[in-house]
Amino acid sequence: MILFSCFQKGYNVTSEYVESITSLENGFLFYSINVDSVNRDSVPIVYSVLRKSSVDPRDTGSLMPKRIYFHIKSDAYRWFDFESFEMYDTLPIRMESNKWYLISGLMGNNGMPNHQIFIFITTRGAYKFYYYNKITNW
């Protein structure tokens, strides 16, 4: 699924990775969430965070790639777990069926980290993606 904002900064999100048209140099946040309610488009509007992780560049001087994998180790980045305060080679959050997840902090062309992607994994293991672009006054 390819998602585009009004500023033409696109992201391709699959069950395996997040990919950007340009580098993902700022990384992003990945949350496991509990959803209390959704809007008419099935986008969560009331939810609580269960667990939080961030993808961060390694201190090797290499640039962040355009594609960041959830479950494949990379020399360019690592995952920080806010629960254990430890670094991991792959996403420390286990993705399970019948659960919600959130990717946030993806940059728009305006330089603001305003893109959010909600992910729901059905009981049959299908991934459903819901895009949300936060409107910010700047």
C-alpha atoms as a PDB file:
ATOM      1  CA  MET A   1       0.000   0.000   0.000  1.00  0.00           C
ATOM      2  CA  ILE A   2       1.464   3.367  -1.015  1.00  0.00           C
ATOM      3  CA  LEU A   3       0.380   6.430   0.899  1.00  0.00           C
ATOM      4  CA  PHE A   4       0.791  10.003  -0.297  1.00  0.00           C
ATOM      5  CA  SER A   5       0.276  13.300   1.477  1.00  0.00           C
ATOM      6  CA  CYS A   6      -0.812  16.522  -0.129  1.00  0.00           C
ATOM      7  CA  PHE A   7       2.885  17.435  -0.228  1.00  0.00           C
ATOM      8  CA  GLN A   8       3.676  14.349  -2.362  1.00  0.00           C
ATOM      9  CA  LYS A   9       5.912  12.702   0.232  1.00  0.00           C
ATOM     10  CA  GLY A  10       4.978   9.050  -0.104  1.00  0.00           C
ATOM     11  CA  TYR A  11       5.397   6.022   2.101  1.00  0.00           C
ATOM     12  CA  ASN A  12       5.005   2.379   1.229  1.00  0.00           C
ATOM     13  CA  VAL A  13       4.055   0.293   4.258  1.00  0.00           C
ATOM     14  CA  THR A  14       3.813  -3.483   4.286  1.00  0.00           C
ATOM     15  CA  SER A  15       3.802  -6.171   6.954  1.00  0.00           C
ATOM     16  CA  GLU A  16       7.588  -6.357   6.538  1.00  0.00           C
ATOM     17  CA  TYR A  17       8.836  -2.758   6.197  1.00  0.00           C
ATOM     18  CA  VAL A  18       8.290   0.984   5.876  1.00  0.00           C
ATOM     19  CA  GLU A  19       9.697   2.608   2.757  1.00  0.00           C
ATOM     20  CA  SER A  20       9.965   6.265   1.796  1.00  0.00           C
ATOM     21  CA  ILE A  21      10.540   7.975  -1.530  1.00  0.00           C
ATOM     22  CA  THR A  22      13.482   9.621   0.219  1.00  0.00           C
ATOM     23  CA  SER A  23      15.659   8.510   3.130  1.00  0.00           C
ATOM     24  CA  LEU A  24      14.049   7.803   6.502  1.00  0.00           C
ATOM     25  CA  GLU A  25      16.875   9.725   8.192  1.00  0.00           C
ATOM     26  CA  ASN A  26      14.789  10.705  11.209  1.00  0.00           C
ATOM     27  CA  GLY A  27      13.443   7.217  11.801  1.00  0.00           C
ATOM     28  CA  PHE A  28       9.956   6.859  13.279  1.00  0.00           C
ATOM     29  CA  LEU A  29       8.043   5.548  16.282  1.00  0.00           C
ATOM     30  CA  PHE A  30       6.211   2.223  16.381  1.00  0.00           C
ATOM     31  CA  TYR A  31       3.495   1.619  18.983  1.00  0.00           C
ATOM     32  CA  SER A  32       1.380  -1.287  20.090  1.00  0.00           C
ATOM     33  CA  ILE A  33      -1.972   0.316  20.962  1.00  0.00           C
ATOM     34  CA  ASN A  34      -5.326  -0.520  22.491  1.00  0.00           C
ATOM     35  CA  VAL A  35      -8.130   1.114  20.481  1.00  0.00           C
ATOM     36  CA  ASP A  36     -11.260   2.282  22.281  1.00  0.00           C
ATOM     37  CA  SER A  37     -13.040   3.911  19.340  1.00  0.00           C
ATOM     38  CA  VAL A  38     -12.656   4.621  15.626  1.00  0.00           C
ATOM     39  CA  ASN A  39     -14.159   7.220  13.302  1.00  0.00           C
ATOM     40  CA  ARG A  40     -16.406   6.430  10.324  1.00  0.00           C
ATOM     41  CA  ASP A  41     -13.311   5.606   8.222  1.00  0.00           C
ATOM     42  CA  SER A  42     -12.117   3.077  10.830  1.00  0.00           C
ATOM     43  CA  VAL A  43      -9.219   5.326  11.889  1.00  0.00           C
ATOM     44  CA  PRO A  44      -8.638   5.108  15.657  1.00  0.00           C
ATOM     45  CA  ILE A  45      -9.566   8.291  17.485  1.00  0.00           C
ATOM     46  CA  VAL A  46      -9.347   7.124  21.107  1.00  0.00           C
ATOM     47  CA  TYR A  47      -6.534   4.751  21.997  1.00  0.00           C
ATOM     48  CA  SER A  48      -3.918   4.061  24.644  1.00  0.00           C
ATOM     49  CA  VAL A  49      -0.288   3.093  24.137  1.00  0.00           C
ATOM     50  CA  LEU A  50       0.679  -0.373  25.335  1.00  0.00           C
ATOM     51  CA  ARG A  51       4.303  -0.390  24.182  1.00  0.00           C
ATOM     52  CA  LYS A  52       6.570   2.005  22.282  1.00  0.00           C
ATOM     53  CA  SER A  53       9.690   1.546  20.176  1.00  0.00           C
ATOM     54  CA  SER A  54      11.737   3.811  17.914  1.00  0.00           C
ATOM     55  CA  VAL A  55      14.021   3.085  15.011  1.00  0.00           C
ATOM     56  CA  ASP A  56      17.260   5.025  15.297  1.00  0.00           C
ATOM     57  CA  PRO A  57      20.416   5.287  13.172  1.00  0.00           C
ATOM     58  CA  ARG A  58      23.435   3.338  14.360  1.00  0.00           C
ATOM     59  CA  ASP A  59      26.538   5.342  15.218  1.00  0.00           C
ATOM     60  CA  THR A  60      28.377   4.030  12.164  1.00  0.00           C
ATOM     61  CA  GLY A  61      28.117   7.170  10.068  1.00  0.00           C
ATOM     62  CA  SER A  62      26.052   5.360   7.453  1.00  0.00           C
ATOM     63  CA  LEU A  63      22.876   6.997   6.208  1.00  0.00           C
ATOM     64  CA  MET A  64      19.446   5.699   7.056  1.00  0.00           C
ATOM     65  CA  PRO A  65      18.067   3.713   4.134  1.00  0.00           C
ATOM     66  CA  LYS A  66      14.825   4.368   2.259  1.00  0.00           C
ATOM     67  CA  ARG A  67      13.449   1.041   3.497  1.00  0.00           C
ATOM     68  CA  ILE A  68      13.372  -0.022   7.168  1.00  0.00           C
ATOM     69  CA  TYR A  69      12.490  -3.618   7.949  1.00  0.00           C
ATOM     70  CA  PHE A  70      10.663  -4.639  11.102  1.00  0.00           C
ATOM     71  CA  HIS A  71      12.223  -8.091  11.481  1.00  0.00           C
ATOM     72  CA  ILE A  72      15.487  -8.004   9.502  1.00  0.00           C
ATOM     73  CA  LYS A  73      18.729  -6.784  11.072  1.00  0.00           C
ATOM     74  CA  SER A  74      20.504  -3.821   9.459  1.00  0.00           C
ATOM     75  CA  ASP A  75      23.912  -2.218   9.887  1.00  0.00           C
ATOM     76  CA  ALA A  76      22.286   1.209   9.417  1.00  0.00           C
ATOM     77  CA  TYR A  77      19.721   1.239  12.250  1.00  0.00           C
ATOM     78  CA  ARG A  78      18.572  -0.326  15.522  1.00  0.00           C
ATOM     79  CA  TRP A  79      15.343  -0.334  17.520  1.00  0.00           C
ATOM     80  CA  PHE A  80      15.030   1.225  20.976  1.00  0.00           C
ATOM     81  CA  ASP A  81      12.459  -0.278  23.336  1.00  0.00           C
ATOM     82  CA  PHE A  82      10.958   2.283  25.734  1.00  0.00           C
ATOM     83  CA  GLU A  83       9.823  -0.486  28.097  1.00  0.00           C
ATOM     84  CA  SER A  84      13.180  -2.177  28.705  1.00  0.00           C
ATOM     85  CA  PHE A  85      15.360   0.833  27.703  1.00  0.00           C
ATOM     86  CA  GLU A  86      17.441  -1.495  25.538  1.00  0.00           C
ATOM     87  CA  MET A  87      18.523  -1.472  21.897  1.00  0.00           C
ATOM     88  CA  TYR A  88      17.498  -4.337  19.583  1.00  0.00           C
ATOM     89  CA  ASP A  89      18.528  -5.357  16.074  1.00  0.00           C
ATOM     90  CA  THR A  90      14.875  -5.845  15.070  1.00  0.00           C
ATOM     91  CA  LEU A  91      11.533  -4.459  16.195  1.00  0.00           C
ATOM     92  CA  PRO A  92      11.059  -5.627  19.804  1.00  0.00           C
ATOM     93  CA  ILE A  93       7.268  -5.478  19.555  1.00  0.00           C
ATOM     94  CA  ARG A  94       5.723  -8.747  18.411  1.00  0.00           C
ATOM     95  CA  MET A  95       2.992  -8.128  15.844  1.00  0.00           C
ATOM     96  CA  GLU A  96      -0.054 -10.336  16.487  1.00  0.00           C
ATOM     97  CA  SER A  97      -3.437 -10.898  14.888  1.00  0.00           C
ATOM     98  CA  ASN A  98      -6.483  -9.020  16.123  1.00  0.00           C
ATOM     99  CA  LYS A  99      -4.244  -6.180  17.394  1.00  0.00           C
ATOM    100  CA  TRP A 100      -3.658  -2.515  16.518  1.00  0.00           C
ATOM    101  CA  TYR A 101      -0.334  -0.772  15.854  1.00  0.00           C
ATOM    102  CA  LEU A 102       0.672   2.788  15.041  1.00  0.00           C
ATOM    103  CA  ILE A 103       3.581   4.214  13.089  1.00  0.00           C
ATOM    104  CA  SER A 104       4.140   7.916  13.759  1.00  0.00           C
ATOM    105  CA  GLY A 105       6.759  10.582  13.272  1.00  0.00           C
ATOM    106  CA  LEU A 106       7.010  10.117   9.514  1.00  0.00           C
ATOM    107  CA  MET A 107       8.042  13.407   7.940  1.00  0.00           C
ATOM    108  CA  GLY A 108       6.090  15.332   5.346  1.00  0.00           C
ATOM    109  CA  ASN A 109       7.764  17.527   2.753  1.00  0.00           C
ATOM    110  CA  ASN A 110       6.985  20.464   5.014  1.00  0.00           C
ATOM    111  CA  GLY A 111       9.520  19.034   7.487  1.00  0.00           C
ATOM    112  CA  MET A 112       6.894  18.262  10.113  1.00  0.00           C
ATOM    113  CA  PRO A 113       6.578  14.750  11.605  1.00  0.00           C
ATOM    114  CA  ASN A 114       2.864  14.672  10.911  1.00  0.00           C
ATOM    115  CA  HIS A 115       2.191  11.368   9.157  1.00  0.00           C
ATOM    116  CA  GLN A 116       0.615   8.510  11.082  1.00  0.00           C
ATOM    117  CA  ILE A 117      -0.269   5.043   9.860  1.00  0.00           C
ATOM    118  CA  PHE A 118      -2.530   2.793  11.898  1.00  0.00           C
ATOM    119  CA  ILE A 119      -2.219  -0.935  11.269  1.00  0.00           C
ATOM    120  CA  PHE A 120      -4.764  -3.567  12.185  1.00  0.00           C
ATOM    121  CA  ILE A 121      -3.974  -7.257  11.781  1.00  0.00           C
ATOM    122  CA  THR A 122      -7.160  -9.278  11.317  1.00  0.00           C
ATOM    123  CA  THR A 123      -7.803 -12.648  12.947  1.00  0.00           C
ATOM    124  CA  ARG A 124      -6.869 -14.220   9.591  1.00  0.00           C
ATOM    125  CA  GLY A 125      -3.548 -12.373   9.547  1.00  0.00           C
ATOM    126  CA  ALA A 126      -4.429  -9.788   6.881  1.00  0.00           C
ATOM    127  CA  TYR A 127      -2.963  -6.323   7.372  1.00  0.00           C
ATOM    128  CA  LYS A 128      -5.222  -3.268   7.091  1.00  0.00           C
ATOM    129  CA  PHE A 129      -3.609   0.162   6.891  1.00  0.00           C
ATOM    130  CA  TYR A 130      -5.290   3.436   7.871  1.00  0.00           C
ATOM    131  CA  TYR A 131      -3.554   6.675   6.994  1.00  0.00           C
ATOM    132  CA  TYR A 132      -3.845   9.844   9.045  1.00  0.00           C
ATOM    133  CA  ASN A 133      -2.139  13.158   8.333  1.00  0.00           C
ATOM    134  CA  LYS A 134      -2.144  15.468  11.363  1.00  0.00           C
ATOM    135  CA  ILE A 135      -2.984  19.049  10.498  1.00  0.00           C
ATOM    136  CA  THR A 136      -0.586  21.380  12.256  1.00  0.00           C
ATOM    137  CA  ASN A 137      -0.606  25.156  12.521  1.00  0.00           C
ATOM    138  CA  TRP A 138       2.882  26.491  11.973  1.00  0.00           C
END
